[in-house]
């Protein structure tokens, strides 16, 4: 997506727009914007947090402009406190692992152990360790000195780089050509992209509408198989829309998993030759789904249509 040609094509079509995320790695100064410039945005996610008494976890946003892909664009930096806490915990844990390893390396150099007498080889080991942990090697500064009694090693943490990394945690950058949209609308649209991504994941889910495995060879059967998968995805989306219209905001995957636990049994009454089907009492969430489709389970365990 992040190719100049793609955005040029979109710019040439007045009825098409884009909202995309941009890697903080390529805009570190922007990602390090102080939090004093951020403010909460009026989106569904934040409103829910307020209702739950978690105002401190609200998503914050900072809006500015910048030139990207040959034109001025609207740029929004979002900050998620919950994401920041998770990233900071992982980062500090990795820092401690590296520090402990450096202490061990320093001891081996001091004891003049074999394979620990060459400065370049030690730096290479350190860089390789950082690479395996997905950390920058300059997060710690290594210093070597050659004295009469041999090589010595010391290290210290790069405080500036650590603070800069911490200031970027929890941040995401959104870029759009929608210059007139409200900040909340842009942030909400970016968050809603999960629906598209979820459809792709769903297409590979063998428990829902999996395209794979493809157990067909002829073109006609493959076309039929693909049509069935797409039709199933369409029905799943229709289920979500039906539930949403009834005030039930749940994914089709979640609903299917829940409704699979609504059991039924066959009851044979004395003197009868025909069994009767009975459904167990649905849970609150199961009853909500049935109600959204105009049905309910009566006290006798029979599925009934809701009278209008």
C-alpha atoms as a PDB file:
ATOM      1  CA  UNK A   1       0.000   0.000   0.000  1.00  0.00           C
ATOM      2  CA  UNK A   2       2.768   2.450   0.965  1.00  0.00           C
ATOM      3  CA  UNK A   3       3.956   2.966  -2.623  1.00  0.00           C
ATOM      4  CA  UNK A   4       3.934   6.383  -4.289  1.00  0.00           C
ATOM      5  CA  UNK A   5       2.121   5.011  -7.331  1.00  0.00           C
ATOM      6  CA  UNK A   6      -0.806   3.759  -5.260  1.00  0.00           C
ATOM      7  CA  UNK A   7      -1.374   7.128  -3.604  1.00  0.00           C
ATOM      8  CA  UNK A   8      -0.970   8.988  -6.892  1.00  0.00           C
ATOM      9  CA  UNK A   9      -3.704   6.805  -8.361  1.00  0.00           C
ATOM     10  CA  UNK A  10      -6.005   7.539  -5.394  1.00  0.00           C
ATOM     11  CA  UNK A  11      -5.264  11.277  -5.639  1.00  0.00           C
ATOM     12  CA  UNK A  12      -6.401  11.243  -9.260  1.00  0.00           C
ATOM     13  CA  UNK A  13      -9.833   9.872  -8.290  1.00  0.00           C
ATOM     14  CA  UNK A  14     -11.801  12.494  -6.389  1.00  0.00           C
ATOM     15  CA  UNK A  15     -14.320   9.993  -5.024  1.00  0.00           C
ATOM     16  CA  UNK A  16     -11.665   7.790  -3.453  1.00  0.00           C
ATOM     17  CA  UNK A  17      -9.823   8.467  -0.198  1.00  0.00           C
ATOM     18  CA  UNK A  18      -7.468   6.585   2.074  1.00  0.00           C
ATOM     19  CA  UNK A  19      -6.738   6.210   5.768  1.00  0.00           C
ATOM     20  CA  UNK A  20      -3.568   4.292   6.539  1.00  0.00           C
ATOM     21  CA  UNK A  21      -1.120   3.738   9.366  1.00  0.00           C
ATOM     22  CA  UNK A  22       2.508   4.813   9.114  1.00  0.00           C
ATOM     23  CA  UNK A  23       5.425   3.141  10.867  1.00  0.00           C
ATOM     24  CA  UNK A  24       6.743   5.098  13.841  1.00  0.00           C
ATOM     25  CA  UNK A  25      10.219   3.880  12.841  1.00  0.00           C
ATOM     26  CA  UNK A  26      10.159   6.276   9.863  1.00  0.00           C
ATOM     27  CA  UNK A  27       8.749   9.208  11.875  1.00  0.00           C
ATOM     28  CA  UNK A  28      10.420   8.959  15.272  1.00  0.00           C
ATOM     29  CA  UNK A  29      10.318  12.692  16.002  1.00  0.00           C
ATOM     30  CA  UNK A  30       6.578  12.697  15.382  1.00  0.00           C
ATOM     31  CA  UNK A  31       6.069   9.575  17.494  1.00  0.00           C
ATOM     32  CA  UNK A  32       8.008  11.194  20.355  1.00  0.00           C
ATOM     33  CA  UNK A  33       5.573  14.145  20.543  1.00  0.00           C
ATOM     34  CA  UNK A  34       5.018  14.980  24.252  1.00  0.00           C
ATOM     35  CA  UNK A  35       1.709  13.850  25.736  1.00  0.00           C
ATOM     36  CA  UNK A  36       0.807  17.425  26.720  1.00  0.00           C
ATOM     37  CA  UNK A  37      -0.237  17.928  23.086  1.00  0.00           C
ATOM     38  CA  UNK A  38      -2.674  14.991  23.150  1.00  0.00           C
ATOM     39  CA  UNK A  39      -6.339  14.965  24.127  1.00  0.00           C
ATOM     40  CA  UNK A  40      -9.093  12.315  24.351  1.00  0.00           C
ATOM     41  CA  UNK A  41     -11.165  11.653  21.227  1.00  0.00           C
ATOM     42  CA  UNK A  42     -14.907  11.058  21.220  1.00  0.00           C
ATOM     43  CA  UNK A  43     -15.055   7.469  19.970  1.00  0.00           C
ATOM     44  CA  UNK A  44     -17.029   4.411  21.061  1.00  0.00           C
ATOM     45  CA  UNK A  45     -13.951   2.842  22.674  1.00  0.00           C
ATOM     46  CA  UNK A  46     -13.425   5.836  24.975  1.00  0.00           C
ATOM     47  CA  UNK A  47     -17.103   6.134  25.846  1.00  0.00           C
ATOM     48  CA  UNK A  48     -17.101   2.515  26.958  1.00  0.00           C
ATOM     49  CA  UNK A  49     -14.013   3.087  29.112  1.00  0.00           C
ATOM     50  CA  UNK A  50     -15.692   6.067  30.778  1.00  0.00           C
ATOM     51  CA  UNK A  51     -18.748   3.937  31.573  1.00  0.00           C
ATOM     52  CA  UNK A  52     -16.439   1.338  33.141  1.00  0.00           C
ATOM     53  CA  UNK A  53     -14.641   3.969  35.223  1.00  0.00           C
ATOM     54  CA  UNK A  54     -11.369   3.642  33.279  1.00  0.00           C
ATOM     55  CA  UNK A  55     -10.963   7.239  32.082  1.00  0.00           C
ATOM     56  CA  UNK A  56      -7.186   6.967  32.520  1.00  0.00           C
ATOM     57  CA  UNK A  57      -7.033   4.370  29.724  1.00  0.00           C
ATOM     58  CA  UNK A  58      -8.747   6.536  27.107  1.00  0.00           C
ATOM     59  CA  UNK A  59      -7.217   6.747  23.630  1.00  0.00           C
ATOM     60  CA  UNK A  60      -5.595  10.163  23.107  1.00  0.00           C
ATOM     61  CA  UNK A  61      -4.841  11.891  19.814  1.00  0.00           C
ATOM     62  CA  UNK A  62      -2.671  14.697  18.464  1.00  0.00           C
ATOM     63  CA  UNK A  63      -3.501  16.179  15.055  1.00  0.00           C
ATOM     64  CA  UNK A  64      -1.122  17.915  12.674  1.00  0.00           C
ATOM     65  CA  UNK A  65      -0.225  18.046   8.970  1.00  0.00           C
ATOM     66  CA  UNK A  66       2.719  16.801   6.958  1.00  0.00           C
ATOM     67  CA  UNK A  67       3.868  16.112   3.421  1.00  0.00           C
ATOM     68  CA  UNK A  68       3.669  12.446   2.493  1.00  0.00           C
ATOM     69  CA  UNK A  69       3.700  10.877  -0.972  1.00  0.00           C
ATOM     70  CA  UNK A  70       4.016  14.227  -2.692  1.00  0.00           C
ATOM     71  CA  UNK A  71       1.110  16.035  -1.008  1.00  0.00           C
ATOM     72  CA  UNK A  72       0.097  17.578   2.286  1.00  0.00           C
ATOM     73  CA  UNK A  73      -1.865  15.092   4.384  1.00  0.00           C
ATOM     74  CA  UNK A  74      -3.685  15.057   7.690  1.00  0.00           C
ATOM     75  CA  UNK A  75      -1.552  13.299  10.306  1.00  0.00           C
ATOM     76  CA  UNK A  76      -2.900  11.987  13.601  1.00  0.00           C
ATOM     77  CA  UNK A  77      -0.762  10.426  16.314  1.00  0.00           C
ATOM     78  CA  UNK A  78      -2.745   8.281  18.740  1.00  0.00           C
ATOM     79  CA  UNK A  79      -1.666   7.190  22.210  1.00  0.00           C
ATOM     80  CA  UNK A  80      -3.004   4.102  23.970  1.00  0.00           C
ATOM     81  CA  UNK A  81      -1.998   3.941  27.680  1.00  0.00           C
ATOM     82  CA  UNK A  82      -2.735   0.207  27.906  1.00  0.00           C
ATOM     83  CA  UNK A  83      -0.497  -0.544  24.907  1.00  0.00           C
ATOM     84  CA  UNK A  84       2.223   1.657  26.346  1.00  0.00           C
ATOM     85  CA  UNK A  85       2.222  -0.288  29.631  1.00  0.00           C
ATOM     86  CA  UNK A  86       2.566  -3.617  27.815  1.00  0.00           C
ATOM     87  CA  UNK A  87       5.349  -2.342  25.551  1.00  0.00           C
ATOM     88  CA  UNK A  88       7.213  -0.743  28.451  1.00  0.00           C
ATOM     89  CA  UNK A  89       7.029  -3.950  30.504  1.00  0.00           C
ATOM     90  CA  UNK A  90       8.443  -6.006  27.619  1.00  0.00           C
ATOM     91  CA  UNK A  91      11.112  -3.388  26.895  1.00  0.00           C
ATOM     92  CA  UNK A  92      12.310  -3.194  30.518  1.00  0.00           C
ATOM     93  CA  UNK A  93      12.381  -6.977  30.727  1.00  0.00           C
ATOM     94  CA  UNK A  94      14.611  -7.147  27.650  1.00  0.00           C
ATOM     95  CA  UNK A  95      16.853  -4.397  29.026  1.00  0.00           C
ATOM     96  CA  UNK A  96      17.415  -6.428  32.175  1.00  0.00           C
ATOM     97  CA  UNK A  97      18.178  -9.590  30.182  1.00  0.00           C
ATOM     98  CA  UNK A  98      20.771  -7.679  28.154  1.00  0.00           C
ATOM     99  CA  UNK A  99      22.271  -6.134  31.304  1.00  0.00           C
ATOM    100  CA  UNK A 100      22.668  -9.532  32.946  1.00  0.00           C
ATOM    101  CA  UNK A 101      24.277 -10.917  29.812  1.00  0.00           C
ATOM    102  CA  UNK A 102      26.676  -7.961  29.645  1.00  0.00           C
ATOM    103  CA  UNK A 103      27.668  -8.543  33.274  1.00  0.00           C
ATOM    104  CA  UNK A 104      28.466 -12.134  32.360  1.00  0.00           C
ATOM    105  CA  UNK A 105      30.440 -11.006  29.309  1.00  0.00           C
ATOM    106  CA  UNK A 106      32.414  -8.497  31.387  1.00  0.00           C
ATOM    107  CA  UNK A 107      33.330 -11.231  33.867  1.00  0.00           C
ATOM    108  CA  UNK A 108      34.569 -13.495  31.079  1.00  0.00           C
ATOM    109  CA  UNK A 109      36.694 -10.666  29.662  1.00  0.00           C
ATOM    110  CA  UNK A 110      38.109  -9.851  33.106  1.00  0.00           C
ATOM    111  CA  UNK A 111      38.943 -13.520  33.732  1.00  0.00           C
ATOM    112  CA  UNK A 112      40.664 -13.652  30.332  1.00  0.00           C
ATOM    113  CA  UNK A 113      38.672 -16.670  29.241  1.00  0.00           C
ATOM    114  CA  UNK A 114      39.367 -18.085  25.800  1.00  0.00           C
ATOM    115  CA  UNK A 115      37.308 -16.541  22.965  1.00  0.00           C
ATOM    116  CA  UNK A 116      36.820 -13.404  25.103  1.00  0.00           C
ATOM    117  CA  UNK A 117      40.019 -11.559  24.279  1.00  0.00           C
ATOM    118  CA  UNK A 118      39.056  -9.978  20.958  1.00  0.00           C
ATOM    119  CA  UNK A 119      37.153  -6.668  21.079  1.00  0.00           C
ATOM    120  CA  UNK A 120      35.514  -7.049  17.655  1.00  0.00           C
ATOM    121  CA  UNK A 121      34.388 -10.610  18.383  1.00  0.00           C
ATOM    122  CA  UNK A 122      32.775  -9.510  21.663  1.00  0.00           C
ATOM    123  CA  UNK A 123      30.976  -6.633  19.945  1.00  0.00           C
ATOM    124  CA  UNK A 124      29.733  -9.068  17.320  1.00  0.00           C
ATOM    125  CA  UNK A 125      28.354 -11.392  20.002  1.00  0.00           C
ATOM    126  CA  UNK A 126      26.589  -8.455  21.655  1.00  0.00           C
ATOM    127  CA  UNK A 127      25.107  -7.207  18.378  1.00  0.00           C
ATOM    128  CA  UNK A 128      23.896 -10.691  17.500  1.00  0.00           C
ATOM    129  CA  UNK A 129      22.214 -11.027  20.904  1.00  0.00           C
ATOM    130  CA  UNK A 130      20.425  -7.680  20.479  1.00  0.00           C
ATOM    131  CA  UNK A 131      19.310  -8.659  16.997  1.00  0.00           C
ATOM    132  CA  UNK A 132      17.811 -11.900  18.297  1.00  0.00           C
ATOM    133  CA  UNK A 133      15.891  -9.914  20.922  1.00  0.00           C
ATOM    134  CA  UNK A 134      14.794  -7.283  18.368  1.00  0.00           C
ATOM    135  CA  UNK A 135      16.622  -4.542  20.265  1.00  0.00           C
ATOM    136  CA  UNK A 136      18.955  -1.806  19.054  1.00  0.00           C
ATOM    137  CA  UNK A 137      22.580  -2.615  19.828  1.00  0.00           C
ATOM    138  CA  UNK A 138      23.297   1.008  20.806  1.00  0.00           C
ATOM    139  CA  UNK A 139      20.872   0.726  23.736  1.00  0.00           C
ATOM    140  CA  UNK A 140      24.032  -0.037  25.754  1.00  0.00           C
ATOM    141  CA  UNK A 141      27.412   1.539  25.032  1.00  0.00           C
ATOM    142  CA  UNK A 142      30.358  -0.860  25.296  1.00  0.00           C
ATOM    143  CA  UNK A 143      33.842   0.460  26.100  1.00  0.00           C
ATOM    144  CA  UNK A 144      37.089  -1.528  25.842  1.00  0.00           C
ATOM    145  CA  UNK A 145      40.576  -0.700  27.110  1.00  0.00           C
ATOM    146  CA  UNK A 146      43.843  -2.473  26.389  1.00  0.00           C
ATOM    147  CA  UNK A 147      46.175  -2.406  29.395  1.00  0.00           C
ATOM    148  CA  UNK A 148      49.341  -4.244  30.329  1.00  0.00           C
ATOM    149  CA  UNK A 149      47.339  -6.984  32.010  1.00  0.00           C
ATOM    150  CA  UNK A 150      45.052  -7.435  29.000  1.00  0.00           C
ATOM    151  CA  UNK A 151      41.635  -6.347  27.736  1.00  0.00           C
ATOM    152  CA  UNK A 152      39.019  -4.801  30.027  1.00  0.00           C
ATOM    153  CA  UNK A 153      35.363  -4.106  29.279  1.00  0.00           C
ATOM    154  CA  UNK A 154      32.752  -1.729  30.690  1.00  0.00           C
ATOM    155  CA  UNK A 155      29.259  -0.698  29.592  1.00  0.00           C
ATOM    156  CA  UNK A 156      26.550   1.827  30.361  1.00  0.00           C
ATOM    157  CA  UNK A 157      22.963   2.302  29.315  1.00  0.00           C
ATOM    158  CA  UNK A 158      22.189   4.975  26.723  1.00  0.00           C
ATOM    159  CA  UNK A 159      19.731   6.978  28.842  1.00  0.00           C
ATOM    160  CA  UNK A 160      18.762   9.339  26.019  1.00  0.00           C
ATOM    161  CA  UNK A 161      17.898   6.498  23.644  1.00  0.00           C
ATOM    162  CA  UNK A 162      15.954   4.646  26.349  1.00  0.00           C
ATOM    163  CA  UNK A 163      13.862   7.730  27.173  1.00  0.00           C
ATOM    164  CA  UNK A 164      13.234   8.345  23.489  1.00  0.00           C
ATOM    165  CA  UNK A 165      12.034   4.773  23.004  1.00  0.00           C
ATOM    166  CA  UNK A 166       9.769   5.056  26.041  1.00  0.00           C
ATOM    167  CA  UNK A 167       8.248   8.264  24.666  1.00  0.00           C
ATOM    168  CA  UNK A 168       7.220   6.381  21.502  1.00  0.00           C
ATOM    169  CA  UNK A 169       5.480   3.483  23.224  1.00  0.00           C
ATOM    170  CA  UNK A 170       1.719   3.269  22.804  1.00  0.00           C
ATOM    171  CA  UNK A 171       1.861   5.574  19.783  1.00  0.00           C
ATOM    172  CA  UNK A 172       0.421   4.964  16.315  1.00  0.00           C
ATOM    173  CA  UNK A 173       0.532   7.279  13.325  1.00  0.00           C
ATOM    174  CA  UNK A 174      -2.487   7.651  11.028  1.00  0.00           C
ATOM    175  CA  UNK A 175      -2.247   9.453   7.690  1.00  0.00           C
ATOM    176  CA  UNK A 176      -5.199  10.371   5.468  1.00  0.00           C
ATOM    177  CA  UNK A 177      -6.081  12.609   2.541  1.00  0.00           C
ATOM    178  CA  UNK A 178      -9.350  13.516   4.303  1.00  0.00           C
ATOM    179  CA  UNK A 179      -8.399  17.040   5.333  1.00  0.00           C
ATOM    180  CA  UNK A 180     -11.940  17.994   6.437  1.00  0.00           C
ATOM    181  CA  UNK A 181     -12.849  14.992   8.575  1.00  0.00           C
ATOM    182  CA  UNK A 182     -13.068  15.345  12.335  1.00  0.00           C
ATOM    183  CA  UNK A 183     -10.244  13.744  14.290  1.00  0.00           C
ATOM    184  CA  UNK A 184     -12.629  11.307  15.999  1.00  0.00           C
ATOM    185  CA  UNK A 185     -14.011  10.144  12.627  1.00  0.00           C
ATOM    186  CA  UNK A 186     -10.526   9.455  11.266  1.00  0.00           C
ATOM    187  CA  UNK A 187      -9.439   7.551  14.376  1.00  0.00           C
ATOM    188  CA  UNK A 188     -12.650   5.496  14.407  1.00  0.00           C
ATOM    189  CA  UNK A 189     -12.280   4.650  10.710  1.00  0.00           C
ATOM    190  CA  UNK A 190      -8.706   3.507  11.318  1.00  0.00           C
ATOM    191  CA  UNK A 191      -9.794   1.337  14.243  1.00  0.00           C
ATOM    192  CA  UNK A 192     -12.587  -0.187  12.150  1.00  0.00           C
ATOM    193  CA  UNK A 193     -10.115  -1.613   9.656  1.00  0.00           C
ATOM    194  CA  UNK A 194     -10.028  -4.736  11.835  1.00  0.00           C
ATOM    195  CA  UNK A 195     -13.285  -5.757  10.148  1.00  0.00           C
ATOM    196  CA  UNK A 196     -11.520  -6.037   6.788  1.00  0.00           C
ATOM    197  CA  UNK A 197      -8.531  -7.818   8.338  1.00  0.00           C
ATOM    198  CA  UNK A 198     -10.885 -10.134  10.198  1.00  0.00           C
ATOM    199  CA  UNK A 199     -12.520 -11.164   6.912  1.00  0.00           C
ATOM    200  CA  UNK A 200      -9.114 -12.242   5.595  1.00  0.00           C
ATOM    201  CA  UNK A 201      -8.399 -14.239   8.742  1.00  0.00           C
ATOM    202  CA  UNK A 202     -11.859 -15.763   8.568  1.00  0.00           C
ATOM    203  CA  UNK A 203     -11.274 -16.914   4.998  1.00  0.00           C
ATOM    204  CA  UNK A 204      -8.495 -19.162   6.355  1.00  0.00           C
ATOM    205  CA  UNK A 205     -10.411 -20.399   9.396  1.00  0.00           C
ATOM    206  CA  UNK A 206     -11.302 -24.049   8.820  1.00  0.00           C
ATOM    207  CA  UNK A 207     -13.987 -23.885  11.502  1.00  0.00           C
ATOM    208  CA  UNK A 208     -15.967 -21.119   9.815  1.00  0.00           C
ATOM    209  CA  UNK A 209     -15.647 -20.481   6.098  1.00  0.00           C
ATOM    210  CA  UNK A 210     -12.217 -21.810   5.292  1.00  0.00           C
ATOM    211  CA  UNK A 211     -11.147 -21.787   1.668  1.00  0.00           C
ATOM    212  CA  UNK A 212      -8.472 -24.333   2.541  1.00  0.00           C
ATOM    213  CA  UNK A 213      -8.057 -27.202   2.248  1.00  0.00           C
ATOM    214  CA  UNK A 214      -9.090 -27.178  -1.406  1.00  0.00           C
ATOM    215  CA  UNK A 215     -10.115 -30.774  -2.087  1.00  0.00           C
ATOM    216  CA  UNK A 216     -11.138 -30.152  -5.686  1.00  0.00           C
ATOM    217  CA  UNK A 217      -9.367 -30.335  -9.028  1.00  0.00           C
ATOM    218  CA  UNK A 218     -11.836 -29.336 -11.727  1.00  0.00           C
ATOM    219  CA  UNK A 219     -12.452 -25.654 -12.418  1.00  0.00           C
ATOM    220  CA  UNK A 220     -16.212 -25.943 -11.956  1.00  0.00           C
ATOM    221  CA  UNK A 221     -15.907 -27.481  -8.490  1.00  0.00           C
ATOM    222  CA  UNK A 222     -13.265 -24.952  -7.434  1.00  0.00           C
ATOM    223  CA  UNK A 223     -15.543 -22.097  -8.519  1.00  0.00           C
ATOM    224  CA  UNK A 224     -18.417 -23.651  -6.580  1.00  0.00           C
ATOM    225  CA  UNK A 225     -16.211 -24.068  -3.517  1.00  0.00           C
ATOM    226  CA  UNK A 226     -15.054 -20.439  -3.622  1.00  0.00           C
ATOM    227  CA  UNK A 227     -18.625 -19.217  -4.132  1.00  0.00           C
ATOM    228  CA  UNK A 228     -19.732 -21.189  -1.076  1.00  0.00           C
ATOM    229  CA  UNK A 229     -16.956 -19.616   0.998  1.00  0.00           C
ATOM    230  CA  UNK A 230     -17.807 -16.085  -0.110  1.00  0.00           C
ATOM    231  CA  UNK A 231     -21.526 -16.705   0.419  1.00  0.00           C
ATOM    232  CA  UNK A 232     -20.786 -17.958   3.931  1.00  0.00           C
ATOM    233  CA  UNK A 233     -18.752 -14.829   4.686  1.00  0.00           C
ATOM    234  CA  UNK A 234     -21.667 -12.730   3.428  1.00  0.00           C
ATOM    235  CA  UNK A 235     -24.119 -14.550   5.682  1.00  0.00           C
ATOM    236  CA  UNK A 236     -21.794 -14.103   8.645  1.00  0.00           C
ATOM    237  CA  UNK A 237     -21.679 -10.375   8.009  1.00  0.00           C
ATOM    238  CA  UNK A 238     -25.470 -10.325   7.699  1.00  0.00           C
ATOM    239  CA  UNK A 239     -25.662 -11.971  11.115  1.00  0.00           C
ATOM    240  CA  UNK A 240     -23.481  -9.222  12.583  1.00  0.00           C
ATOM    241  CA  UNK A 241     -25.610  -6.488  10.989  1.00  0.00           C
ATOM    242  CA  UNK A 242     -28.822  -8.113  12.233  1.00  0.00           C
ATOM    243  CA  UNK A 243     -27.446  -8.305  15.762  1.00  0.00           C
ATOM    244  CA  UNK A 244     -26.112  -4.748  15.623  1.00  0.00           C
ATOM    245  CA  UNK A 245     -29.564  -3.479  14.597  1.00  0.00           C
ATOM    246  CA  UNK A 246     -30.915  -5.141  17.740  1.00  0.00           C
ATOM    247  CA  UNK A 247     -28.248  -3.500  19.909  1.00  0.00           C
ATOM    248  CA  UNK A 248     -26.061  -6.614  20.205  1.00  0.00           C
ATOM    249  CA  UNK A 249     -22.481  -5.767  19.207  1.00  0.00           C
ATOM    250  CA  UNK A 250     -20.755  -9.125  18.787  1.00  0.00           C
ATOM    251  CA  UNK A 251     -18.771 -10.812  16.046  1.00  0.00           C
ATOM    252  CA  UNK A 252     -20.213 -13.696  14.051  1.00  0.00           C
ATOM    253  CA  UNK A 253     -17.381 -15.929  15.261  1.00  0.00           C
ATOM    254  CA  UNK A 254     -18.218 -15.190  18.899  1.00  0.00           C
ATOM    255  CA  UNK A 255     -21.947 -15.752  18.311  1.00  0.00           C
ATOM    256  CA  UNK A 256     -21.387 -19.073  16.546  1.00  0.00           C
ATOM    257  CA  UNK A 257     -19.146 -20.285  19.350  1.00  0.00           C
ATOM    258  CA  UNK A 258     -21.782 -19.269  21.905  1.00  0.00           C
ATOM    259  CA  UNK A 259     -24.773 -20.765  20.080  1.00  0.00           C
ATOM    260  CA  UNK A 260     -22.978 -24.088  19.580  1.00  0.00           C
ATOM    261  CA  UNK A 261     -23.296 -24.514  23.347  1.00  0.00           C
ATOM    262  CA  UNK A 262     -27.103 -24.302  23.208  1.00  0.00           C
ATOM    263  CA  UNK A 263     -27.965 -27.997  23.417  1.00  0.00           C
ATOM    264  CA  UNK A 264     -31.131 -29.840  22.522  1.00  0.00           C
ATOM    265  CA  UNK A 265     -32.456 -33.319  23.254  1.00  0.00           C
ATOM    266  CA  UNK A 266     -35.100 -35.733  21.996  1.00  0.00           C
ATOM    267  CA  UNK A 267     -37.804 -36.652  24.508  1.00  0.00           C
ATOM    268  CA  UNK A 268     -39.965 -39.770  24.113  1.00  0.00           C
ATOM    269  CA  UNK A 269     -43.156 -39.515  26.162  1.00  0.00           C
ATOM    270  CA  UNK A 270     -44.840 -42.622  27.537  1.00  0.00           C
ATOM    271  CA  UNK A 271     -47.223 -44.069  25.000  1.00  0.00           C
ATOM    272  CA  UNK A 272     -45.875 -41.935  22.146  1.00  0.00           C
ATOM    273  CA  UNK A 273     -43.999 -43.266  19.136  1.00  0.00           C
ATOM    274  CA  UNK A 274     -42.737 -39.891  17.970  1.00  0.00           C
ATOM    275  CA  UNK A 275     -39.909 -38.161  19.849  1.00  0.00           C
ATOM    276  CA  UNK A 276     -40.198 -34.463  20.646  1.00  0.00           C
ATOM    277  CA  UNK A 277     -37.313 -32.027  20.379  1.00  0.00           C
ATOM    278  CA  UNK A 278     -36.561 -29.899  23.455  1.00  0.00           C
ATOM    279  CA  UNK A 279     -34.027 -27.082  23.785  1.00  0.00           C
ATOM    280  CA  UNK A 280     -32.297 -26.295  27.053  1.00  0.00           C
ATOM    281  CA  UNK A 281     -32.784 -22.917  28.716  1.00  0.00           C
ATOM    282  CA  UNK A 282     -30.571 -20.436  26.826  1.00  0.00           C
ATOM    283  CA  UNK A 283     -28.067 -18.204  28.579  1.00  0.00           C
ATOM    284  CA  UNK A 284     -28.527 -14.434  28.594  1.00  0.00           C
ATOM    285  CA  UNK A 285     -26.272 -13.949  25.561  1.00  0.00           C
ATOM    286  CA  UNK A 286     -27.903 -16.825  23.681  1.00  0.00           C
ATOM    287  CA  UNK A 287     -31.353 -15.391  24.420  1.00  0.00           C
ATOM    288  CA  UNK A 288     -30.211 -12.012  23.048  1.00  0.00           C
ATOM    289  CA  UNK A 289     -29.189 -13.638  19.768  1.00  0.00           C
ATOM    290  CA  UNK A 290     -32.474 -15.536  19.471  1.00  0.00           C
ATOM    291  CA  UNK A 291     -34.414 -12.351  20.233  1.00  0.00           C
ATOM    292  CA  UNK A 292     -32.521 -10.447  17.524  1.00  0.00           C
ATOM    293  CA  UNK A 293     -33.854 -12.988  15.017  1.00  0.00           C
ATOM    294  CA  UNK A 294     -37.394 -12.861  16.419  1.00  0.00           C
ATOM    295  CA  UNK A 295     -37.309 -16.133  18.364  1.00  0.00           C
ATOM    296  CA  UNK A 296     -37.345 -17.383  21.946  1.00  0.00           C
ATOM    297  CA  UNK A 297     -37.361 -20.674  23.840  1.00  0.00           C
ATOM    298  CA  UNK A 298     -40.518 -21.134  25.916  1.00  0.00           C
ATOM    299  CA  UNK A 299     -40.745 -22.836  29.307  1.00  0.00           C
ATOM    300  CA  UNK A 300     -41.384 -26.149  27.573  1.00  0.00           C
ATOM    301  CA  UNK A 301     -38.095 -25.981  25.690  1.00  0.00           C
ATOM    302  CA  UNK A 302     -39.726 -25.285  22.323  1.00  0.00           C
ATOM    303  CA  UNK A 303     -38.380 -22.664  19.922  1.00  0.00           C
ATOM    304  CA  UNK A 304     -41.106 -20.100  19.242  1.00  0.00           C
ATOM    305  CA  UNK A 305     -41.484 -17.061  17.019  1.00  0.00           C
ATOM    306  CA  UNK A 306     -41.898 -13.742  18.783  1.00  0.00           C
ATOM    307  CA  UNK A 307     -45.360 -12.288  18.217  1.00  0.00           C
ATOM    308  CA  UNK A 308     -45.300  -8.880  16.583  1.00  0.00           C
END
